[in-house]
Amino acid sequence: MLSENVFAQGVRLLVDRDAHLAEVVEKYGLPPLWVRKPGFPTLVYIILEQQVSLASAKAAFDRLNDAVRPLTPKRFLKLADTELLRIGFSRQKTLY
């Protein structure tokens, strides 16, 4: 399980190997550890957040939650690509 201590140890291992990262951590400190609820909806939300604004990802996730309740892998897989595109998934993300 990822805890604050495990996270800090991981950062220390990385900064020992990367001088540029060490400078960033020295200047700004450890990055925040984002704790999220485990489960499929969180995984989908993280995927939606990649390469788009957080506001855009949230809007798409909210539309997905409106379309699929409860959001489970089985129900999600029933969505056609056209439905995912309408919800706000990129063409690339519909391939995942």
PDB file of N, CA and C in Angstrom:
ATOM      1  N   MET A   1       0.841  -1.177   0.000  1.00  0.00           N
ATOM      2  CA  MET A   1       0.000   0.000   0.000  1.00  0.00           C
ATOM      3  C   MET A   1       0.888   1.242   0.000  1.00  0.00           C
ATOM      4  N   LEU A   2       0.519   2.204  -0.797  1.00  0.00           N
ATOM      5  CA  LEU A   2       1.303   3.431  -0.880  1.00  0.00           C
ATOM      6  C   LEU A   2       0.945   4.342   0.291  1.00  0.00           C
ATOM      7  N   SER A   3       1.928   4.600   1.122  1.00  0.00           N
ATOM      8  CA  SER A   3       1.759   5.497   2.265  1.00  0.00           C
ATOM      9  C   SER A   3       2.688   6.691   2.075  1.00  0.00           C
ATOM     10  N   GLU A   4       2.563   7.667   2.949  1.00  0.00           N
ATOM     11  CA  GLU A   4       3.452   8.837   2.897  1.00  0.00           C
ATOM     12  C   GLU A   4       4.912   8.403   3.007  1.00  0.00           C
ATOM     13  N   ASN A   5       5.201   7.452   3.898  1.00  0.00           N
ATOM     14  CA  ASN A   5       6.585   6.987   4.083  1.00  0.00           C
ATOM     15  C   ASN A   5       7.112   6.270   2.854  1.00  0.00           C
ATOM     16  N   VAL A   6       6.320   5.377   2.295  1.00  0.00           N
ATOM     17  CA  VAL A   6       6.742   4.647   1.091  1.00  0.00           C
ATOM     18  C   VAL A   6       6.940   5.626  -0.062  1.00  0.00           C
ATOM     19  N   PHE A   7       6.037   6.590  -0.188  1.00  0.00           N
ATOM     20  CA  PHE A   7       6.144   7.604  -1.233  1.00  0.00           C
ATOM     21  C   PHE A   7       7.439   8.402  -1.078  1.00  0.00           C
ATOM     22  N   ALA A   8       7.732   8.845   0.142  1.00  0.00           N
ATOM     23  CA  ALA A   8       8.952   9.622   0.404  1.00  0.00           C
ATOM     24  C   ALA A   8      10.197   8.796   0.096  1.00  0.00           C
ATOM     25  N   GLN A   9      10.186   7.520   0.438  1.00  0.00           N
ATOM     26  CA  GLN A   9      11.325   6.646   0.121  1.00  0.00           C
ATOM     27  C   GLN A   9      11.515   6.538  -1.388  1.00  0.00           C
ATOM     28  N   GLY A  10      10.416   6.405  -2.116  1.00  0.00           N
ATOM     29  CA  GLY A  10      10.494   6.331  -3.569  1.00  0.00           C
ATOM     30  C   GLY A  10      11.060   7.601  -4.178  1.00  0.00           C
ATOM     31  N   VAL A  11      10.624   8.744  -3.673  1.00  0.00           N
ATOM     32  CA  VAL A  11      11.152  10.021  -4.160  1.00  0.00           C
ATOM     33  C   VAL A  11      12.644  10.112  -3.871  1.00  0.00           C
ATOM     34  N   ARG A  12      13.059   9.691  -2.689  1.00  0.00           N
ATOM     35  CA  ARG A  12      14.492   9.733  -2.349  1.00  0.00           C
ATOM     36  C   ARG A  12      15.309   8.844  -3.293  1.00  0.00           C
ATOM     37  N   LEU A  13      14.794   7.686  -3.624  1.00  0.00           N
ATOM     38  CA  LEU A  13      15.493   6.809  -4.578  1.00  0.00           C
ATOM     39  C   LEU A  13      15.639   7.487  -5.941  1.00  0.00           C
ATOM     40  N   LEU A  14      14.582   8.157  -6.368  1.00  0.00           N
ATOM     41  CA  LEU A  14      14.627   8.834  -7.666  1.00  0.00           C
ATOM     42  C   LEU A  14      15.589  10.014  -7.661  1.00  0.00           C
ATOM     43  N   VAL A  15      15.567  10.818  -6.601  1.00  0.00           N
ATOM     44  CA  VAL A  15      16.453  11.983  -6.576  1.00  0.00           C
ATOM     45  C   VAL A  15      17.914  11.564  -6.448  1.00  0.00           C
ATOM     46  N   ASP A  16      18.168  10.399  -5.875  1.00  0.00           N
ATOM     47  CA  ASP A  16      19.542   9.888  -5.825  1.00  0.00           C
ATOM     48  C   ASP A  16      20.059   9.542  -7.215  1.00  0.00           C
ATOM     49  N   ARG A  17      19.157   9.291  -8.136  1.00  0.00           N
ATOM     50  CA  ARG A  17      19.537   8.878  -9.496  1.00  0.00           C
ATOM     51  C   ARG A  17      19.404   9.988 -10.528  1.00  0.00           C
ATOM     52  N   ASP A  18      18.744  11.072 -10.175  1.00  0.00           N
ATOM     53  CA  ASP A  18      18.467  12.127 -11.150  1.00  0.00           C
ATOM     54  C   ASP A  18      18.735  13.490 -10.515  1.00  0.00           C
ATOM     55  N   ALA A  19      19.827  14.116 -10.939  1.00  0.00           N
ATOM     56  CA  ALA A  19      20.230  15.400 -10.358  1.00  0.00           C
ATOM     57  C   ALA A  19      19.200  16.498 -10.620  1.00  0.00           C
ATOM     58  N   HIS A  20      18.572  16.479 -11.793  1.00  0.00           N
ATOM     59  CA  HIS A  20      17.571  17.502 -12.110  1.00  0.00           C
ATOM     60  C   HIS A  20      16.352  17.365 -11.192  1.00  0.00           C
ATOM     61  N   LEU A  21      15.920  16.144 -11.000  1.00  0.00           N
ATOM     62  CA  LEU A  21      14.795  15.914 -10.099  1.00  0.00           C
ATOM     63  C   LEU A  21      15.175  16.289  -8.667  1.00  0.00           C
ATOM     64  N   ALA A  22      16.406  16.011  -8.291  1.00  0.00           N
ATOM     65  CA  ALA A  22      16.880  16.372  -6.948  1.00  0.00           C
ATOM     66  C   ALA A  22      16.793  17.882  -6.734  1.00  0.00           C
ATOM     67  N   GLU A  23      17.144  18.660  -7.765  1.00  0.00           N
ATOM     68  CA  GLU A  23      17.053  20.121  -7.661  1.00  0.00           C
ATOM     69  C   GLU A  23      15.608  20.569  -7.457  1.00  0.00           C
ATOM     70  N   VAL A  24      14.704  19.955  -8.195  1.00  0.00           N
ATOM     71  CA  VAL A  24      13.289  20.323  -8.086  1.00  0.00           C
ATOM     72  C   VAL A  24      12.761  20.004  -6.690  1.00  0.00           C
ATOM     73  N   VAL A  25      13.074  18.811  -6.192  1.00  0.00           N
ATOM     74  CA  VAL A  25      12.597  18.415  -4.864  1.00  0.00           C
ATOM     75  C   VAL A  25      13.237  19.281  -3.786  1.00  0.00           C
ATOM     76  N   GLU A  26      14.501  19.633  -3.977  1.00  0.00           N
ATOM     77  CA  GLU A  26      15.168  20.498  -3.000  1.00  0.00           C
ATOM     78  C   GLU A  26      14.513  21.876  -2.971  1.00  0.00           C
ATOM     79  N   LYS A  27      14.154  22.379  -4.143  1.00  0.00           N
ATOM     80  CA  LYS A  27      13.575  23.716  -4.230  1.00  0.00           C
ATOM     81  C   LYS A  27      12.117  23.753  -3.754  1.00  0.00           C
ATOM     82  N   TYR A  28      11.332  22.727  -4.133  1.00  0.00           N
ATOM     83  CA  TYR A  28       9.894  22.758  -3.869  1.00  0.00           C
ATOM     84  C   TYR A  28       9.407  21.741  -2.833  1.00  0.00           C
ATOM     85  N   GLY A  29      10.269  20.823  -2.444  1.00  0.00           N
ATOM     86  CA  GLY A  29       9.848  19.792  -1.498  1.00  0.00           C
ATOM     87  C   GLY A  29       9.201  18.612  -2.202  1.00  0.00           C
ATOM     88  N   LEU A  30       8.774  17.667  -1.404  1.00  0.00           N
ATOM     89  CA  LEU A  30       8.118  16.482  -1.962  1.00  0.00           C
ATOM     90  C   LEU A  30       6.819  16.871  -2.658  1.00  0.00           C
ATOM     91  N   PRO A  31       6.515  16.234  -3.765  1.00  0.00           N
ATOM     92  CA  PRO A  31       5.214  16.492  -4.383  1.00  0.00           C
ATOM     93  C   PRO A  31       4.108  15.925  -3.496  1.00  0.00           C
ATOM     94  N   PRO A  32       2.900  16.435  -3.656  1.00  0.00           N
ATOM     95  CA  PRO A  32       1.815  15.908  -2.825  1.00  0.00           C
ATOM     96  C   PRO A  32       1.475  14.473  -3.223  1.00  0.00           C
ATOM     97  N   LEU A  33       1.087  13.707  -2.251  1.00  0.00           N
ATOM     98  CA  LEU A  33       0.609  12.352  -2.508  1.00  0.00           C
ATOM     99  C   LEU A  33      -0.902  12.437  -2.618  1.00  0.00           C
ATOM    100  N   TRP A  34      -1.398  12.223  -3.816  1.00  0.00           N
ATOM    101  CA  TRP A  34      -2.837  12.281  -4.030  1.00  0.00           C
ATOM    102  C   TRP A  34      -3.427  10.934  -3.664  1.00  0.00           C
ATOM    103  N   VAL A  35      -4.249  10.931  -2.672  1.00  0.00           N
ATOM    104  CA  VAL A  35      -4.914   9.704  -2.253  1.00  0.00           C
ATOM    105  C   VAL A  35      -6.297   9.693  -2.883  1.00  0.00           C
ATOM    106  N   ARG A  36      -6.578   8.620  -3.579  1.00  0.00           N
ATOM    107  CA  ARG A  36      -7.874   8.499  -4.235  1.00  0.00           C
ATOM    108  C   ARG A  36      -8.539   7.202  -3.812  1.00  0.00           C
ATOM    109  N   LYS A  37      -9.833   7.205  -3.895  1.00  0.00           N
ATOM    110  CA  LYS A  37     -10.596   6.018  -3.552  1.00  0.00           C
ATOM    111  C   LYS A  37     -10.248   4.906  -4.547  1.00  0.00           C
ATOM    112  N   PRO A  38      -9.893   3.719  -4.060  1.00  0.00           N
ATOM    113  CA  PRO A  38      -9.560   2.634  -4.981  1.00  0.00           C
ATOM    114  C   PRO A  38     -10.805   2.143  -5.723  1.00  0.00           C
ATOM    115  N   GLY A  39     -10.591   1.654  -6.938  1.00  0.00           N
ATOM    116  CA  GLY A  39     -11.702   1.068  -7.677  1.00  0.00           C
ATOM    117  C   GLY A  39     -11.715   1.470  -9.134  1.00  0.00           C
ATOM    118  N   PHE A  40     -12.614   0.857  -9.860  1.00  0.00           N
ATOM    119  CA  PHE A  40     -12.727   1.076 -11.299  1.00  0.00           C
ATOM    120  C   PHE A  40     -13.057   2.523 -11.660  1.00  0.00           C
ATOM    121  N   PRO A  41     -14.025   3.169 -10.998  1.00  0.00           N
ATOM    122  CA  PRO A  41     -14.304   4.563 -11.355  1.00  0.00           C
ATOM    123  C   PRO A  41     -13.073   5.466 -11.250  1.00  0.00           C
ATOM    124  N   THR A  42     -12.255   5.259 -10.248  1.00  0.00           N
ATOM    125  CA  THR A  42     -11.044   6.070 -10.093  1.00  0.00           C
ATOM    126  C   THR A  42     -10.071   5.814 -11.235  1.00  0.00           C
ATOM    127  N   LEU A  43      -9.925   4.567 -11.640  1.00  0.00           N
ATOM    128  CA  LEU A  43      -9.056   4.245 -12.775  1.00  0.00           C
ATOM    129  C   LEU A  43      -9.525   4.971 -14.032  1.00  0.00           C
ATOM    130  N   VAL A  44     -10.818   4.932 -14.300  1.00  0.00           N
ATOM    131  CA  VAL A  44     -11.365   5.620 -15.476  1.00  0.00           C
ATOM    132  C   VAL A  44     -11.114   7.122 -15.374  1.00  0.00           C
ATOM    133  N   TYR A  45     -11.319   7.686 -14.201  1.00  0.00           N
ATOM    134  CA  TYR A  45     -11.111   9.123 -14.005  1.00  0.00           C
ATOM    135  C   TYR A  45      -9.651   9.500 -14.258  1.00  0.00           C
ATOM    136  N   ILE A  46      -8.720   8.709 -13.774  1.00  0.00           N
ATOM    137  CA  ILE A  46      -7.294   8.978 -13.995  1.00  0.00           C
ATOM    138  C   ILE A  46      -6.972   8.936 -15.486  1.00  0.00           C
ATOM    139  N   ILE A  47      -7.528   7.967 -16.197  1.00  0.00           N
ATOM    140  CA  ILE A  47      -7.302   7.881 -17.646  1.00  0.00           C
ATOM    141  C   ILE A  47      -7.867   9.117 -18.335  1.00  0.00           C
ATOM    142  N   LEU A  48      -9.056   9.542 -17.935  1.00  0.00           N
ATOM    143  CA  LEU A  48      -9.650  10.734 -18.541  1.00  0.00           C
ATOM    144  C   LEU A  48      -8.813  11.982 -18.284  1.00  0.00           C
ATOM    145  N   GLU A  49      -8.129  12.050 -17.145  1.00  0.00           N
ATOM    146  CA  GLU A  49      -7.325  13.225 -16.801  1.00  0.00           C
ATOM    147  C   GLU A  49      -6.053  13.352 -17.633  1.00  0.00           C
ATOM    148  N   GLN A  50      -5.642  12.291 -18.273  1.00  0.00           N
ATOM    149  CA  GLN A  50      -4.383  12.319 -19.018  1.00  0.00           C
ATOM    150  C   GLN A  50      -4.517  13.183 -20.264  1.00  0.00           C
ATOM    151  N   GLN A  51      -3.631  14.121 -20.410  1.00  0.00           N
ATOM    152  CA  GLN A  51      -3.456  14.969 -21.591  1.00  0.00           C
ATOM    153  C   GLN A  51      -4.631  15.906 -21.869  1.00  0.00           C
ATOM    154  N   VAL A  52      -5.459  16.165 -20.851  1.00  0.00           N
ATOM    155  CA  VAL A  52      -6.517  17.172 -20.988  1.00  0.00           C
ATOM    156  C   VAL A  52      -6.565  17.977 -19.694  1.00  0.00           C
ATOM    157  N   SER A  53      -7.321  19.045 -19.711  1.00  0.00           N
ATOM    158  CA  SER A  53      -7.466  19.829 -18.485  1.00  0.00           C
ATOM    159  C   SER A  53      -8.266  19.025 -17.461  1.00  0.00           C
ATOM    160  N   LEU A  54      -8.034  19.327 -16.199  1.00  0.00           N
ATOM    161  CA  LEU A  54      -8.776  18.639 -15.144  1.00  0.00           C
ATOM    162  C   LEU A  54     -10.271  18.943 -15.244  1.00  0.00           C
ATOM    163  N   ALA A  55     -10.616  20.151 -15.675  1.00  0.00           N
ATOM    164  CA  ALA A  55     -12.027  20.517 -15.832  1.00  0.00           C
ATOM    165  C   ALA A  55     -12.681  19.691 -16.935  1.00  0.00           C
ATOM    166  N   SER A  56     -11.968  19.502 -18.033  1.00  0.00           N
ATOM    167  CA  SER A  56     -12.483  18.692 -19.135  1.00  0.00           C
ATOM    168  C   SER A  56     -12.668  17.241 -18.707  1.00  0.00           C
ATOM    169  N   ALA A  57     -11.695  16.717 -17.976  1.00  0.00           N
ATOM    170  CA  ALA A  57     -11.787  15.335 -17.493  1.00  0.00           C
ATOM    171  C   ALA A  57     -12.969  15.177 -16.543  1.00  0.00           C
ATOM    172  N   LYS A  58     -13.161  16.145 -15.657  1.00  0.00           N
ATOM    173  CA  LYS A  58     -14.275  16.059 -14.708  1.00  0.00           C
ATOM    174  C   LYS A  58     -15.609  16.100 -15.438  1.00  0.00           C
ATOM    175  N   ALA A  59     -15.716  16.956 -16.443  1.00  0.00           N
ATOM    176  CA  ALA A  59     -16.963  17.048 -17.203  1.00  0.00           C
ATOM    177  C   ALA A  59     -17.269  15.723 -17.898  1.00  0.00           C
ATOM    178  N   ALA A  60     -16.258  15.114 -18.509  1.00  0.00           N
ATOM    179  CA  ALA A  60     -16.457  13.823 -19.175  1.00  0.00           C
ATOM    180  C   ALA A  60     -16.817  12.745 -18.156  1.00  0.00           C
ATOM    181  N   PHE A  61     -16.151  12.754 -17.017  1.00  0.00           N
ATOM    182  CA  PHE A  61     -16.436  11.755 -15.984  1.00  0.00           C
ATOM    183  C   PHE A  61     -17.858  11.930 -15.445  1.00  0.00           C
ATOM    184  N   ASP A  62     -18.282  13.161 -15.268  1.00  0.00           N
ATOM    185  CA  ASP A  62     -19.650  13.412 -14.805  1.00  0.00           C
ATOM    186  C   ASP A  62     -20.668  12.905 -15.826  1.00  0.00           C
ATOM    187  N   ARG A  63     -20.411  13.136 -17.125  1.00  0.00           N
ATOM    188  CA  ARG A  63     -21.312  12.628 -18.163  1.00  0.00           C
ATOM    189  C   ARG A  63     -21.329  11.100 -18.165  1.00  0.00           C
ATOM    190  N   LEU A  64     -20.152  10.497 -17.949  1.00  0.00           N
ATOM    191  CA  LEU A  64     -20.077   9.038 -17.881  1.00  0.00           C
ATOM    192  C   LEU A  64     -20.892   8.522 -16.699  1.00  0.00           C
ATOM    193  N   ASN A  65     -20.765   9.158 -15.552  1.00  0.00           N
ATOM    194  CA  ASN A  65     -21.538   8.744 -14.372  1.00  0.00           C
ATOM    195  C   ASN A  65     -23.040   8.903 -14.586  1.00  0.00           C
ATOM    196  N   ASP A  66     -23.434   9.907 -15.352  1.00  0.00           N
ATOM    197  CA  ASP A  66     -24.854  10.075 -15.668  1.00  0.00           C
ATOM    198  C   ASP A  66     -25.346   8.964 -16.591  1.00  0.00           C
ATOM    199  N   ALA A  67     -24.472   8.485 -17.471  1.00  0.00           N
ATOM    200  CA  ALA A  67     -24.848   7.470 -18.459  1.00  0.00           C
ATOM    201  C   ALA A  67     -24.761   6.048 -17.921  1.00  0.00           C
ATOM    202  N   VAL A  68     -23.872   5.810 -16.967  1.00  0.00           N
ATOM    203  CA  VAL A  68     -23.621   4.451 -16.480  1.00  0.00           C
ATOM    204  C   VAL A  68     -23.666   4.446 -14.954  1.00  0.00           C
ATOM    205  N   ARG A  69     -24.735   3.866 -14.411  1.00  0.00           N
ATOM    206  CA  ARG A  69     -24.875   3.774 -12.952  1.00  0.00           C
ATOM    207  C   ARG A  69     -25.277   2.372 -12.576  1.00  0.00           C
ATOM    208  N   PRO A  70     -24.571   1.764 -11.690  1.00  0.00           N
ATOM    209  CA  PRO A  70     -23.271   2.170 -11.165  1.00  0.00           C
ATOM    210  C   PRO A  70     -22.183   1.948 -12.206  1.00  0.00           C
ATOM    211  N   LEU A  71     -21.103   2.683 -12.078  1.00  0.00           N
ATOM    212  CA  LEU A  71     -19.989   2.576 -13.018  1.00  0.00           C
ATOM    213  C   LEU A  71     -19.153   1.355 -12.652  1.00  0.00           C
ATOM    214  N   THR A  72     -19.405   0.281 -13.369  1.00  0.00           N
ATOM    215  CA  THR A  72     -18.672  -0.969 -13.175  1.00  0.00           C
ATOM    216  C   THR A  72     -18.022  -1.358 -14.488  1.00  0.00           C
ATOM    217  N   PRO A  73     -16.998  -2.200 -14.456  1.00  0.00           N
ATOM    218  CA  PRO A  73     -16.376  -2.638 -15.712  1.00  0.00           C
ATOM    219  C   PRO A  73     -17.392  -3.271 -16.665  1.00  0.00           C
ATOM    220  N   LYS A  74     -18.271  -4.099 -16.140  1.00  0.00           N
ATOM    221  CA  LYS A  74     -19.253  -4.787 -16.987  1.00  0.00           C
ATOM    222  C   LYS A  74     -20.175  -3.794 -17.694  1.00  0.00           C
ATOM    223  N   ARG A  75     -20.672  -2.829 -16.967  1.00  0.00           N
ATOM    224  CA  ARG A  75     -21.560  -1.825 -17.569  1.00  0.00           C
ATOM    225  C   ARG A  75     -20.793  -0.906 -18.525  1.00  0.00           C
ATOM    226  N   PHE A  76     -19.570  -0.566 -18.148  1.00  0.00           N
ATOM    227  CA  PHE A  76     -18.748   0.295 -19.001  1.00  0.00           C
ATOM    228  C   PHE A  76     -18.490  -0.367 -20.354  1.00  0.00           C
ATOM    229  N   LEU A  77     -18.201  -1.658 -20.337  1.00  0.00           N
ATOM    230  CA  LEU A  77     -17.888  -2.370 -21.578  1.00  0.00           C
ATOM    231  C   LEU A  77     -19.080  -2.481 -22.519  1.00  0.00           C
ATOM    232  N   LYS A  78     -20.265  -2.222 -22.031  1.00  0.00           N
ATOM    233  CA  LYS A  78     -21.454  -2.250 -22.887  1.00  0.00           C
ATOM    234  C   LYS A  78     -21.581  -0.984 -23.740  1.00  0.00           C
ATOM    235  N   LEU A  79     -20.813   0.051 -23.410  1.00  0.00           N
ATOM    236  CA  LEU A  79     -20.880   1.305 -24.169  1.00  0.00           C
ATOM    237  C   LEU A  79     -20.183   1.155 -25.514  1.00  0.00           C
ATOM    238  N   ALA A  80     -20.828   1.633 -26.551  1.00  0.00           N
ATOM    239  CA  ALA A  80     -20.216   1.658 -27.881  1.00  0.00           C
ATOM    240  C   ALA A  80     -19.235   2.822 -27.956  1.00  0.00           C
ATOM    241  N   ASP A  81     -18.302   2.728 -28.893  1.00  0.00           N
ATOM    242  CA  ASP A  81     -17.331   3.813 -29.078  1.00  0.00           C
ATOM    243  C   ASP A  81     -18.026   5.148 -29.338  1.00  0.00           C
ATOM    244  N   THR A  82     -19.122   5.125 -30.091  1.00  0.00           N
ATOM    245  CA  THR A  82     -19.839   6.371 -30.375  1.00  0.00           C
ATOM    246  C   THR A  82     -20.376   7.003 -29.092  1.00  0.00           C
ATOM    247  N   GLU A  83     -20.820   6.166 -28.156  1.00  0.00           N
ATOM    248  CA  GLU A  83     -21.297   6.693 -26.877  1.00  0.00           C
ATOM    249  C   GLU A  83     -20.148   7.290 -26.072  1.00  0.00           C
ATOM    250  N   LEU A  84     -18.996   6.612 -26.075  1.00  0.00           N
ATOM    251  CA  LEU A  84     -17.830   7.133 -25.356  1.00  0.00           C
ATOM    252  C   LEU A  84     -17.384   8.469 -25.946  1.00  0.00           C
ATOM    253  N   LEU A  85     -17.403   8.580 -27.271  1.00  0.00           N
ATOM    254  CA  LEU A  85     -17.033   9.843 -27.919  1.00  0.00           C
ATOM    255  C   LEU A  85     -18.004  10.956 -27.524  1.00  0.00           C
ATOM    256  N   ARG A  86     -19.297  10.648 -27.500  1.00  0.00           N
ATOM    257  CA  ARG A  86     -20.305  11.635 -27.112  1.00  0.00           C
ATOM    258  C   ARG A  86     -20.095  12.084 -25.665  1.00  0.00           C
ATOM    259  N   ILE A  87     -19.692  11.161 -24.814  1.00  0.00           N
ATOM    260  CA  ILE A  87     -19.445  11.469 -23.400  1.00  0.00           C
ATOM    261  C   ILE A  87     -18.227  12.371 -23.234  1.00  0.00           C
ATOM    262  N   GLY A  88     -17.252  12.243 -24.147  1.00  0.00           N
ATOM    263  CA  GLY A  88     -16.064  13.095 -24.065  1.00  0.00           C
ATOM    264  C   GLY A  88     -14.750  12.357 -24.114  1.00  0.00           C
ATOM    265  N   PHE A  89     -14.788  11.049 -24.350  1.00  0.00           N
ATOM    266  CA  PHE A  89     -13.550  10.290 -24.527  1.00  0.00           C
ATOM    267  C   PHE A  89     -12.951  10.644 -25.882  1.00  0.00           C
ATOM    268  N   SER A  90     -11.634  10.730 -25.943  1.00  0.00           N
ATOM    269  CA  SER A  90     -10.967  10.935 -27.229  1.00  0.00           C
ATOM    270  C   SER A  90     -11.020   9.625 -28.013  1.00  0.00           C
ATOM    271  N   ARG A  91     -10.801   9.712 -29.318  1.00  0.00           N
ATOM    272  CA  ARG A  91     -10.770   8.479 -30.128  1.00  0.00           C
ATOM    273  C   ARG A  91      -9.716   7.519 -29.587  1.00  0.00           C
ATOM    274  N   GLN A  92      -8.560   8.062 -29.208  1.00  0.00           N
ATOM    275  CA  GLN A  92      -7.485   7.218 -28.681  1.00  0.00           C
ATOM    276  C   GLN A  92      -7.923   6.509 -27.399  1.00  0.00           C
ATOM    277  N   LYS A  93      -8.604   7.220 -26.531  1.00  0.00           N
ATOM    278  CA  LYS A  93      -9.017   6.612 -25.261  1.00  0.00           C
ATOM    279  C   LYS A  93     -10.117   5.578 -25.444  1.00  0.00           C
ATOM    280  N   THR A  94     -10.888   5.687 -26.508  1.00  0.00           N
ATOM    281  CA  THR A  94     -11.895   4.647 -26.752  1.00  0.00           C
ATOM    282  C   THR A  94     -11.233   3.322 -27.106  1.00  0.00           C
ATOM    283  N   LEU A  95      -9.977   3.358 -27.525  1.00  0.00           N
ATOM    284  CA  LEU A  95      -9.258   2.123 -27.868  1.00  0.00           C
ATOM    285  C   LEU A  95      -8.728   1.404 -26.636  1.00  0.00           C
ATOM    286  N   TYR A  96      -8.636   2.086 -25.507  1.00  0.00           N
ATOM    287  CA  TYR A  96      -8.119   1.463 -24.289  1.00  0.00           C
ATOM    288  C   TYR A  96      -9.065   0.376 -23.859  1.00  0.00           C
TER     289      TYR A  96
END
